[in-house]
Amino acid sequence: IEFLAEKDTCVIVGRCADFVLSDMEN
């Protein structure tokens, strides 16, 4: 999830992505 978020603009469903990316800008 962290790798994909750094690589692409994207939509991620479930998998606690909100928590994993809670400190990510944008």
mmCIF file of all heavy atoms, coordinates in Angstrom:
data_MODEL
# 
_entry.id   MODEL 
# 
loop_
_atom_site.group_PDB 
_atom_site.id 
_atom_site.type_symbol 
_atom_site.label_atom_id 
_atom_site.label_alt_id 
_atom_site.label_comp_id 
_atom_site.label_asym_id 
_atom_site.label_entity_id 
_atom_site.label_seq_id 
_atom_site.pdbx_PDB_ins_code 
_atom_site.Cartn_x 
_atom_site.Cartn_y 
_atom_site.Cartn_z 
_atom_site.occupancy 
_atom_site.B_iso_or_equiv 
_atom_site.pdbx_formal_charge 
_atom_site.auth_seq_id 
_atom_site.auth_comp_id 
_atom_site.auth_asym_id 
_atom_site.auth_atom_id 
_atom_site.pdbx_PDB_model_num 
ATOM 1   N N   . ILE A 1 1  ? 0.844   -1.196 0.000   1.00 0.00 ? 1  ILE A N   1 
ATOM 2   C CA  . ILE A 1 1  ? 0.000   0.000  0.000   1.00 0.00 ? 1  ILE A CA  1 
ATOM 3   C C   . ILE A 1 1  ? 0.881   1.248  0.000   1.00 0.00 ? 1  ILE A C   1 
ATOM 4   O O   . ILE A 1 1  ? 0.651   2.195  -0.764  1.00 0.00 ? 1  ILE A O   1 
ATOM 5   C CB  . ILE A 1 1  ? -0.947  0.005  1.215   1.00 0.00 ? 1  ILE A CB  1 
ATOM 6   C CG1 . ILE A 1 1  ? -2.069  -1.021 1.012   1.00 0.00 ? 1  ILE A CG1 1 
ATOM 7   C CG2 . ILE A 1 1  ? -1.546  1.397  1.446   1.00 0.00 ? 1  ILE A CG2 1 
ATOM 8   C CD1 . ILE A 1 1  ? -2.911  -1.257 2.252   1.00 0.00 ? 1  ILE A CD1 1 
ATOM 9   N N   . GLU A 1 2  ? 1.887   1.259  0.855   1.00 0.00 ? 2  GLU A N   1 
ATOM 10  C CA  . GLU A 1 2  ? 2.797   2.406  0.920   1.00 0.00 ? 2  GLU A CA  1 
ATOM 11  C C   . GLU A 1 2  ? 3.547   2.588  -0.404  1.00 0.00 ? 2  GLU A C   1 
ATOM 12  O O   . GLU A 1 2  ? 3.710   3.715  -0.883  1.00 0.00 ? 2  GLU A O   1 
ATOM 13  C CB  . GLU A 1 2  ? 3.784   2.208  2.067   1.00 0.00 ? 2  GLU A CB  1 
ATOM 14  C CG  . GLU A 1 2  ? 3.142   2.283  3.436   1.00 0.00 ? 2  GLU A CG  1 
ATOM 15  C CD  . GLU A 1 2  ? 4.089   1.917  4.562   1.00 0.00 ? 2  GLU A CD  1 
ATOM 16  O OE1 . GLU A 1 2  ? 5.091   1.217  4.303   1.00 0.00 ? 2  GLU A OE1 1 
ATOM 17  O OE2 . GLU A 1 2  ? 3.819   2.337  5.707   1.00 0.00 ? 2  GLU A OE2 1 
ATOM 18  N N   . PHE A 1 3  ? 3.967   1.486  -0.998  1.00 0.00 ? 3  PHE A N   1 
ATOM 19  C CA  . PHE A 1 3  ? 4.690   1.541  -2.261  1.00 0.00 ? 3  PHE A CA  1 
ATOM 20  C C   . PHE A 1 3  ? 3.804   2.092  -3.371  1.00 0.00 ? 3  PHE A C   1 
ATOM 21  O O   . PHE A 1 3  ? 4.206   2.967  -4.145  1.00 0.00 ? 3  PHE A O   1 
ATOM 22  C CB  . PHE A 1 3  ? 5.197   0.145  -2.629  1.00 0.00 ? 3  PHE A CB  1 
ATOM 23  C CG  . PHE A 1 3  ? 6.016   0.105  -3.887  1.00 0.00 ? 3  PHE A CG  1 
ATOM 24  C CD1 . PHE A 1 3  ? 7.370   0.396  -3.861  1.00 0.00 ? 3  PHE A CD1 1 
ATOM 25  C CD2 . PHE A 1 3  ? 5.429   -0.205 -5.100  1.00 0.00 ? 3  PHE A CD2 1 
ATOM 26  C CE1 . PHE A 1 3  ? 8.134   0.366  -5.024  1.00 0.00 ? 3  PHE A CE1 1 
ATOM 27  C CE2 . PHE A 1 3  ? 6.180   -0.237 -6.265  1.00 0.00 ? 3  PHE A CE2 1 
ATOM 28  C CZ  . PHE A 1 3  ? 7.535   0.053  -6.226  1.00 0.00 ? 3  PHE A CZ  1 
ATOM 29  N N   . LEU A 1 4  ? 2.566   1.579  -3.457  1.00 0.00 ? 4  LEU A N   1 
ATOM 30  C CA  . LEU A 1 4  ? 1.638   2.011  -4.503  1.00 0.00 ? 4  LEU A CA  1 
ATOM 31  C C   . LEU A 1 4  ? 1.265   3.476  -4.341  1.00 0.00 ? 4  LEU A C   1 
ATOM 32  O O   . LEU A 1 4  ? 1.138   4.204  -5.326  1.00 0.00 ? 4  LEU A O   1 
ATOM 33  C CB  . LEU A 1 4  ? 0.387   1.138  -4.480  1.00 0.00 ? 4  LEU A CB  1 
ATOM 34  C CG  . LEU A 1 4  ? 0.591   -0.322 -4.899  1.00 0.00 ? 4  LEU A CG  1 
ATOM 35  C CD1 . LEU A 1 4  ? -0.655  -1.139 -4.582  1.00 0.00 ? 4  LEU A CD1 1 
ATOM 36  C CD2 . LEU A 1 4  ? 0.938   -0.419 -6.371  1.00 0.00 ? 4  LEU A CD2 1 
ATOM 37  N N   . ALA A 1 5  ? 1.076   3.906  -3.101  1.00 0.00 ? 5  ALA A N   1 
ATOM 38  C CA  . ALA A 1 5  ? 0.707   5.297  -2.836  1.00 0.00 ? 5  ALA A CA  1 
ATOM 39  C C   . ALA A 1 5  ? 1.822   6.260  -3.239  1.00 0.00 ? 5  ALA A C   1 
ATOM 40  O O   . ALA A 1 5  ? 1.557   7.389  -3.657  1.00 0.00 ? 5  ALA A O   1 
ATOM 41  C CB  . ALA A 1 5  ? 0.369   5.473  -1.359  1.00 0.00 ? 5  ALA A CB  1 
ATOM 42  N N   . GLU A 1 6  ? 3.057   5.817  -3.116  1.00 0.00 ? 6  GLU A N   1 
ATOM 43  C CA  . GLU A 1 6  ? 4.187   6.646  -3.525  1.00 0.00 ? 6  GLU A CA  1 
ATOM 44  C C   . GLU A 1 6  ? 4.369   6.635  -5.043  1.00 0.00 ? 6  GLU A C   1 
ATOM 45  O O   . GLU A 1 6  ? 4.914   7.570  -5.625  1.00 0.00 ? 6  GLU A O   1 
ATOM 46  C CB  . GLU A 1 6  ? 5.477   6.150  -2.855  1.00 0.00 ? 6  GLU A CB  1 
ATOM 47  C CG  . GLU A 1 6  ? 5.567   6.473  -1.378  1.00 0.00 ? 6  GLU A CG  1 
ATOM 48  C CD  . GLU A 1 6  ? 5.644   7.964  -1.102  1.00 0.00 ? 6  GLU A CD  1 
ATOM 49  O OE1 . GLU A 1 6  ? 6.086   8.716  -1.999  1.00 0.00 ? 6  GLU A OE1 1 
ATOM 50  O OE2 . GLU A 1 6  ? 5.245   8.389  0.007   1.00 0.00 ? 6  GLU A OE2 1 
ATOM 51  N N   . LYS A 1 7  ? 3.886   5.580  -5.683  1.00 0.00 ? 7  LYS A N   1 
ATOM 52  C CA  . LYS A 1 7  ? 4.097   5.411  -7.119  1.00 0.00 ? 7  LYS A CA  1 
ATOM 53  C C   . LYS A 1 7  ? 2.979   6.013  -7.960  1.00 0.00 ? 7  LYS A C   1 
ATOM 54  O O   . LYS A 1 7  ? 3.223   6.632  -8.981  1.00 0.00 ? 7  LYS A O   1 
ATOM 55  C CB  . LYS A 1 7  ? 4.223   3.926  -7.447  1.00 0.00 ? 7  LYS A CB  1 
ATOM 56  C CG  . LYS A 1 7  ? 4.450   3.620  -8.928  1.00 0.00 ? 7  LYS A CG  1 
ATOM 57  C CD  . LYS A 1 7  ? 4.537   2.111  -9.146  1.00 0.00 ? 7  LYS A CD  1 
ATOM 58  C CE  . LYS A 1 7  ? 4.834   1.801  -10.608 1.00 0.00 ? 7  LYS A CE  1 
ATOM 59  N NZ  . LYS A 1 7  ? 3.749   2.221  -11.522 1.00 0.00 ? 7  LYS A NZ  1 
ATOM 60  N N   . ASP A 1 8  ? 1.713   5.799  -7.545  1.00 0.00 ? 8  ASP A N   1 
ATOM 61  C CA  . ASP A 1 8  ? 0.567   6.168  -8.372  1.00 0.00 ? 8  ASP A CA  1 
ATOM 62  C C   . ASP A 1 8  ? -0.454  7.013  -7.625  1.00 0.00 ? 8  ASP A C   1 
ATOM 63  O O   . ASP A 1 8  ? -0.630  6.877  -6.418  1.00 0.00 ? 8  ASP A O   1 
ATOM 64  C CB  . ASP A 1 8  ? -0.185  4.906  -8.843  1.00 0.00 ? 8  ASP A CB  1 
ATOM 65  C CG  . ASP A 1 8  ? 0.531   4.162  -9.945  1.00 0.00 ? 8  ASP A CG  1 
ATOM 66  O OD1 . ASP A 1 8  ? 1.127   4.832  -10.804 1.00 0.00 ? 8  ASP A OD1 1 
ATOM 67  O OD2 . ASP A 1 8  ? 0.491   2.928  -9.941  1.00 0.00 ? 8  ASP A OD2 1 
ATOM 68  N N   . THR A 1 9  ? -1.162  7.853  -8.362  1.00 0.00 ? 9  THR A N   1 
ATOM 69  C CA  . THR A 1 9  ? -2.415  8.413  -7.878  1.00 0.00 ? 9  THR A CA  1 
ATOM 70  C C   . THR A 1 9  ? -3.420  7.275  -7.966  1.00 0.00 ? 9  THR A C   1 
ATOM 71  O O   . THR A 1 9  ? -3.530  6.622  -9.002  1.00 0.00 ? 9  THR A O   1 
ATOM 72  C CB  . THR A 1 9  ? -2.865  9.588  -8.765  1.00 0.00 ? 9  THR A CB  1 
ATOM 73  O OG1 . THR A 1 9  ? -1.992  10.695 -8.538  1.00 0.00 ? 9  THR A OG1 1 
ATOM 74  C CG2 . THR A 1 9  ? -4.289  10.002 -8.439  1.00 0.00 ? 9  THR A CG2 1 
ATOM 75  N N   . CYS A 1 10 ? -4.134  7.011  -6.894  1.00 0.00 ? 10 CYS A N   1 
ATOM 76  C CA  . CYS A 1 10 ? -4.979  5.821  -6.907  1.00 0.00 ? 10 CYS A CA  1 
ATOM 77  C C   . CYS A 1 10 ? -6.089  5.865  -5.863  1.00 0.00 ? 10 CYS A C   1 
ATOM 78  O O   . CYS A 1 10 ? -6.104  6.716  -4.973  1.00 0.00 ? 10 CYS A O   1 
ATOM 79  C CB  . CYS A 1 10 ? -4.123  4.568  -6.680  1.00 0.00 ? 10 CYS A CB  1 
ATOM 80  S SG  . CYS A 1 10 ? -3.198  4.558  -5.116  1.00 0.00 ? 10 CYS A SG  1 
ATOM 81  N N   . VAL A 1 11 ? -7.026  4.909  -6.007  1.00 0.00 ? 11 VAL A N   1 
ATOM 82  C CA  . VAL A 1 11 ? -8.065  4.631  -5.019  1.00 0.00 ? 11 VAL A CA  1 
ATOM 83  C C   . VAL A 1 11 ? -7.726  3.281  -4.412  1.00 0.00 ? 11 VAL A C   1 
ATOM 84  O O   . VAL A 1 11 ? -7.483  2.311  -5.134  1.00 0.00 ? 11 VAL A O   1 
ATOM 85  C CB  . VAL A 1 11 ? -9.469  4.569  -5.664  1.00 0.00 ? 11 VAL A CB  1 
ATOM 86  C CG1 . VAL A 1 11 ? -10.498 4.124  -4.631  1.00 0.00 ? 11 VAL A CG1 1 
ATOM 87  C CG2 . VAL A 1 11 ? -9.851  5.917  -6.261  1.00 0.00 ? 11 VAL A CG2 1 
ATOM 88  N N   . ILE A 1 12 ? -7.701  3.203  -3.085  1.00 0.00 ? 12 ILE A N   1 
ATOM 89  C CA  . ILE A 1 12 ? -7.441  1.938  -2.400  1.00 0.00 ? 12 ILE A CA  1 
ATOM 90  C C   . ILE A 1 12 ? -8.617  1.639  -1.486  1.00 0.00 ? 12 ILE A C   1 
ATOM 91  O O   . ILE A 1 12 ? -8.987  2.452  -0.642  1.00 0.00 ? 12 ILE A O   1 
ATOM 92  C CB  . ILE A 1 12 ? -6.137  1.985  -1.584  1.00 0.00 ? 12 ILE A CB  1 
ATOM 93  C CG1 . ILE A 1 12 ? -4.954  2.344  -2.483  1.00 0.00 ? 12 ILE A CG1 1 
ATOM 94  C CG2 . ILE A 1 12 ? -5.898  0.640  -0.893  1.00 0.00 ? 12 ILE A CG2 1 
ATOM 95  C CD1 . ILE A 1 12 ? -3.636  2.480  -1.738  1.00 0.00 ? 12 ILE A CD1 1 
ATOM 96  N N   . VAL A 1 13 ? -9.205  0.458  -1.671  1.00 0.00 ? 13 VAL A N   1 
ATOM 97  C CA  . VAL A 1 13 ? -10.384 0.059  -0.896  1.00 0.00 ? 13 VAL A CA  1 
ATOM 98  C C   . VAL A 1 13 ? -9.983  -0.889 0.234   1.00 0.00 ? 13 VAL A C   1 
ATOM 99  O O   . VAL A 1 13 ? -9.302  -1.892 0.008   1.00 0.00 ? 13 VAL A O   1 
ATOM 100 C CB  . VAL A 1 13 ? -11.428 -0.634 -1.789  1.00 0.00 ? 13 VAL A CB  1 
ATOM 101 C CG1 . VAL A 1 13 ? -12.638 -1.075 -0.964  1.00 0.00 ? 13 VAL A CG1 1 
ATOM 102 C CG2 . VAL A 1 13 ? -11.866 0.298  -2.912  1.00 0.00 ? 13 VAL A CG2 1 
ATOM 103 N N   . GLY A 1 14 ? -10.418 -0.579 1.443   1.00 0.00 ? 14 GLY A N   1 
ATOM 104 C CA  . GLY A 1 14 ? -10.210 -1.472 2.573   1.00 0.00 ? 14 GLY A CA  1 
ATOM 105 C C   . GLY A 1 14 ? -8.759  -1.647 2.976   1.00 0.00 ? 14 GLY A C   1 
ATOM 106 O O   . GLY A 1 14 ? -7.912  -0.783 2.760   1.00 0.00 ? 14 GLY A O   1 
ATOM 107 N N   . ARG A 1 15 ? -8.468  -2.795 3.604   1.00 0.00 ? 15 ARG A N   1 
ATOM 108 C CA  . ARG A 1 15 ? -7.115  -3.182 4.014   1.00 0.00 ? 15 ARG A CA  1 
ATOM 109 C C   . ARG A 1 15 ? -6.454  -2.179 4.957   1.00 0.00 ? 15 ARG A C   1 
ATOM 110 O O   . ARG A 1 15 ? -5.239  -2.050 4.992   1.00 0.00 ? 15 ARG A O   1 
ATOM 111 C CB  . ARG A 1 15 ? -6.220  -3.393 2.779   1.00 0.00 ? 15 ARG A CB  1 
ATOM 112 C CG  . ARG A 1 15 ? -6.697  -4.499 1.857   1.00 0.00 ? 15 ARG A CG  1 
ATOM 113 C CD  . ARG A 1 15 ? -6.813  -5.800 2.596   1.00 0.00 ? 15 ARG A CD  1 
ATOM 114 N NE  . ARG A 1 15 ? -7.276  -6.888 1.746   1.00 0.00 ? 15 ARG A NE  1 
ATOM 115 C CZ  . ARG A 1 15 ? -7.664  -8.071 2.206   1.00 0.00 ? 15 ARG A CZ  1 
ATOM 116 N NH1 . ARG A 1 15 ? -7.669  -8.296 3.496   1.00 0.00 ? 15 ARG A NH1 1 
ATOM 117 N NH2 . ARG A 1 15 ? -8.073  -9.009 1.388   1.00 0.00 ? 15 ARG A NH2 1 
ATOM 118 N N   . CYS A 1 16 ? -7.258  -1.449 5.720   1.00 0.00 ? 16 CYS A N   1 
ATOM 119 C CA  . CYS A 1 16 ? -6.738  -0.457 6.665   1.00 0.00 ? 16 CYS A CA  1 
ATOM 120 C C   . CYS A 1 16 ? -5.861  0.582  5.976   1.00 0.00 ? 16 CYS A C   1 
ATOM 121 O O   . CYS A 1 16 ? -4.948  1.156  6.594   1.00 0.00 ? 16 CYS A O   1 
ATOM 122 C CB  . CYS A 1 16 ? -5.940  -1.128 7.783   1.00 0.00 ? 16 CYS A CB  1 
ATOM 123 S SG  . CYS A 1 16 ? -6.947  -1.924 9.052   1.00 0.00 ? 16 CYS A SG  1 
ATOM 124 N N   . ALA A 1 17 ? -6.129  0.847  4.701   1.00 0.00 ? 17 ALA A N   1 
ATOM 125 C CA  . ALA A 1 17 ? -5.322  1.822  3.965   1.00 0.00 ? 17 ALA A CA  1 
ATOM 126 C C   . ALA A 1 17 ? -5.424  3.206  4.596   1.00 0.00 ? 17 ALA A C   1 
ATOM 127 O O   . ALA A 1 17 ? -4.470  3.994  4.551   1.00 0.00 ? 17 ALA A O   1 
ATOM 128 C CB  . ALA A 1 17 ? -5.761  1.873  2.499   1.00 0.00 ? 17 ALA A CB  1 
ATOM 129 N N   . ASP A 1 18 ? -6.572  3.525  5.191   1.00 0.00 ? 18 ASP A N   1 
ATOM 130 C CA  . ASP A 1 18 ? -6.723  4.817  5.853   1.00 0.00 ? 18 ASP A CA  1 
ATOM 131 C C   . ASP A 1 18 ? -5.730  4.955  7.003   1.00 0.00 ? 18 ASP A C   1 
ATOM 132 O O   . ASP A 1 18 ? -5.166  6.027  7.229   1.00 0.00 ? 18 ASP A O   1 
ATOM 133 C CB  . ASP A 1 18 ? -8.156  5.006  6.357   1.00 0.00 ? 18 ASP A CB  1 
ATOM 134 C CG  . ASP A 1 18 ? -8.599  3.903  7.301   1.00 0.00 ? 18 ASP A CG  1 
ATOM 135 O OD1 . ASP A 1 18 ? -8.185  2.734  7.109   1.00 0.00 ? 18 ASP A OD1 1 
ATOM 136 O OD2 . ASP A 1 18 ? -9.374  4.189  8.234   1.00 0.00 ? 18 ASP A OD2 1 
ATOM 137 N N   . PHE A 1 19 ? -5.486  3.864  7.713   1.00 0.00 ? 19 PHE A N   1 
ATOM 138 C CA  . PHE A 1 19 ? -4.528  3.862  8.815   1.00 0.00 ? 19 PHE A CA  1 
ATOM 139 C C   . PHE A 1 19 ? -3.094  3.869  8.293   1.00 0.00 ? 19 PHE A C   1 
ATOM 140 O O   . PHE A 1 19 ? -2.260  4.654  8.746   1.00 0.00 ? 19 PHE A O   1 
ATOM 141 C CB  . PHE A 1 19 ? -4.752  2.627  9.690   1.00 0.00 ? 19 PHE A CB  1 
ATOM 142 C CG  . PHE A 1 19 ? -3.634  2.333  10.637  1.00 0.00 ? 19 PHE A CG  1 
ATOM 143 C CD1 . PHE A 1 19 ? -3.382  3.165  11.717  1.00 0.00 ? 19 PHE A CD1 1 
ATOM 144 C CD2 . PHE A 1 19 ? -2.823  1.215  10.460  1.00 0.00 ? 19 PHE A CD2 1 
ATOM 145 C CE1 . PHE A 1 19 ? -2.337  2.897  12.597  1.00 0.00 ? 19 PHE A CE1 1 
ATOM 146 C CE2 . PHE A 1 19 ? -1.788  0.936  11.322  1.00 0.00 ? 19 PHE A CE2 1 
ATOM 147 C CZ  . PHE A 1 19 ? -1.537  1.781  12.395  1.00 0.00 ? 19 PHE A CZ  1 
ATOM 148 N N   . VAL A 1 20 ? -2.829  3.013  7.319   1.00 0.00 ? 20 VAL A N   1 
ATOM 149 C CA  . VAL A 1 20 ? -1.483  2.901  6.753   1.00 0.00 ? 20 VAL A CA  1 
ATOM 150 C C   . VAL A 1 20 ? -1.009  4.240  6.184   1.00 0.00 ? 20 VAL A C   1 
ATOM 151 O O   . VAL A 1 20 ? 0.158   4.619  6.322   1.00 0.00 ? 20 VAL A O   1 
ATOM 152 C CB  . VAL A 1 20 ? -1.435  1.816  5.655   1.00 0.00 ? 20 VAL A CB  1 
ATOM 153 C CG1 . VAL A 1 20 ? -0.079  1.800  4.962   1.00 0.00 ? 20 VAL A CG1 1 
ATOM 154 C CG2 . VAL A 1 20 ? -1.742  0.441  6.252   1.00 0.00 ? 20 VAL A CG2 1 
ATOM 155 N N   . LEU A 1 21 ? -1.942  4.975  5.564   1.00 0.00 ? 21 LEU A N   1 
ATOM 156 C CA  . LEU A 1 21 ? -1.587  6.237  4.905   1.00 0.00 ? 21 LEU A CA  1 
ATOM 157 C C   . LEU A 1 21 ? -2.057  7.463  5.694   1.00 0.00 ? 21 LEU A C   1 
ATOM 158 O O   . LEU A 1 21 ? -2.200  8.546  5.140   1.00 0.00 ? 21 LEU A O   1 
ATOM 159 C CB  . LEU A 1 21 ? -2.190  6.266  3.494   1.00 0.00 ? 21 LEU A CB  1 
ATOM 160 C CG  . LEU A 1 21 ? -1.796  5.103  2.581   1.00 0.00 ? 21 LEU A CG  1 
ATOM 161 C CD1 . LEU A 1 21 ? -2.512  5.215  1.238   1.00 0.00 ? 21 LEU A CD1 1 
ATOM 162 C CD2 . LEU A 1 21 ? -0.285  5.047  2.389   1.00 0.00 ? 21 LEU A CD2 1 
ATOM 163 N N   . SER A 1 22 ? -2.266  7.290  6.976   1.00 0.00 ? 22 SER A N   1 
ATOM 164 C CA  . SER A 1 22 ? -2.830  8.376  7.791   1.00 0.00 ? 22 SER A CA  1 
ATOM 165 C C   . SER A 1 22 ? -1.946  9.626  7.841   1.00 0.00 ? 22 SER A C   1 
ATOM 166 O O   . SER A 1 22 ? -2.448  10.734 8.014   1.00 0.00 ? 22 SER A O   1 
ATOM 167 C CB  . SER A 1 22 ? -3.082  7.877  9.219   1.00 0.00 ? 22 SER A CB  1 
ATOM 168 O OG  . SER A 1 22 ? -1.877  7.414  9.816   1.00 0.00 ? 22 SER A OG  1 
ATOM 169 N N   . ASP A 1 23 ? -0.649  9.460  7.697   1.00 0.00 ? 23 ASP A N   1 
ATOM 170 C CA  . ASP A 1 23 ? 0.261   10.607 7.755   1.00 0.00 ? 23 ASP A CA  1 
ATOM 171 C C   . ASP A 1 23 ? 0.723   11.067 6.373   1.00 0.00 ? 23 ASP A C   1 
ATOM 172 O O   . ASP A 1 23 ? 1.604   11.930 6.265   1.00 0.00 ? 23 ASP A O   1 
ATOM 173 C CB  . ASP A 1 23 ? 1.497   10.254 8.596   1.00 0.00 ? 23 ASP A CB  1 
ATOM 174 C CG  . ASP A 1 23 ? 1.150   10.009 10.054  1.00 0.00 ? 23 ASP A CG  1 
ATOM 175 O OD1 . ASP A 1 23 ? 0.226   10.676 10.562  1.00 0.00 ? 23 ASP A OD1 1 
ATOM 176 O OD2 . ASP A 1 23 ? 1.800   9.148  10.678  1.00 0.00 ? 23 ASP A OD2 1 
ATOM 177 N N   . MET A 1 24 ? 0.152   10.502 5.341   1.00 0.00 ? 24 MET A N   1 
ATOM 178 C CA  . MET A 1 24 ? 0.602   10.826 3.989   1.00 0.00 ? 24 MET A CA  1 
ATOM 179 C C   . MET A 1 24 ? -0.051  12.104 3.458   1.00 0.00 ? 24 MET A C   1 
ATOM 180 O O   . MET A 1 24 ? -1.256  12.290 3.574   1.00 0.00 ? 24 MET A O   1 
ATOM 181 C CB  . MET A 1 24 ? 0.316   9.664  3.036   1.00 0.00 ? 24 MET A CB  1 
ATOM 182 C CG  . MET A 1 24 ? 0.791   9.917  1.618   1.00 0.00 ? 24 MET A CG  1 
ATOM 183 S SD  . MET A 1 24 ? 0.871   8.389  0.648   1.00 0.00 ? 24 MET A SD  1 
ATOM 184 C CE  . MET A 1 24 ? 2.419   7.714  1.246   1.00 0.00 ? 24 MET A CE  1 
ATOM 185 N N   . GLU A 1 25 ? 0.766   12.942 2.884   1.00 0.00 ? 25 GLU A N   1 
ATOM 186 C CA  . GLU A 1 25 ? 0.265   14.177 2.286   1.00 0.00 ? 25 GLU A CA  1 
ATOM 187 C C   . GLU A 1 25 ? -0.604  13.851 1.077   1.00 0.00 ? 25 GLU A C   1 
ATOM 188 O O   . GLU A 1 25 ? -0.348  12.883 0.359   1.00 0.00 ? 25 GLU A O   1 
ATOM 189 C CB  . GLU A 1 25 ? 1.450   15.049 1.856   1.00 0.00 ? 25 GLU A CB  1 
ATOM 190 C CG  . GLU A 1 25 ? 1.050   16.415 1.332   1.00 0.00 ? 25 GLU A CG  1 
ATOM 191 C CD  . GLU A 1 25 ? 2.271   17.214 0.885   1.00 0.00 ? 25 GLU A CD  1 
ATOM 192 O OE1 . GLU A 1 25 ? 3.370   16.658 0.830   1.00 0.00 ? 25 GLU A OE1 1 
ATOM 193 O OE2 . GLU A 1 25 ? 2.073   18.405 0.587   1.00 0.00 ? 25 GLU A OE2 1 
ATOM 194 N N   . ASN A 1 26 ? -1.640  14.643 0.855   1.00 0.00 ? 26 ASN A N   1 
ATOM 195 C CA  . ASN A 1 26 ? -2.550  14.466 -0.283  1.00 0.00 ? 26 ASN A CA  1 
ATOM 196 C C   . ASN A 1 26 ? -3.303  13.141 -0.257  1.00 0.00 ? 26 ASN A C   1 
ATOM 197 O O   . ASN A 1 26 ? -3.627  12.589 -1.306  1.00 0.00 ? 26 ASN A O   1 
ATOM 198 C CB  . ASN A 1 26 ? -1.792  14.588 -1.611  1.00 0.00 ? 26 ASN A CB  1 
ATOM 199 C CG  . ASN A 1 26 ? -1.388  16.015 -1.911  1.00 0.00 ? 26 ASN A CG  1 
ATOM 200 O OD1 . ASN A 1 26 ? -1.638  16.914 -1.118  1.00 0.00 ? 26 ASN A OD1 1 
ATOM 201 N ND2 . ASN A 1 26 ? -0.757  16.227 -3.039  1.00 0.00 ? 26 ASN A ND2 1 
# 
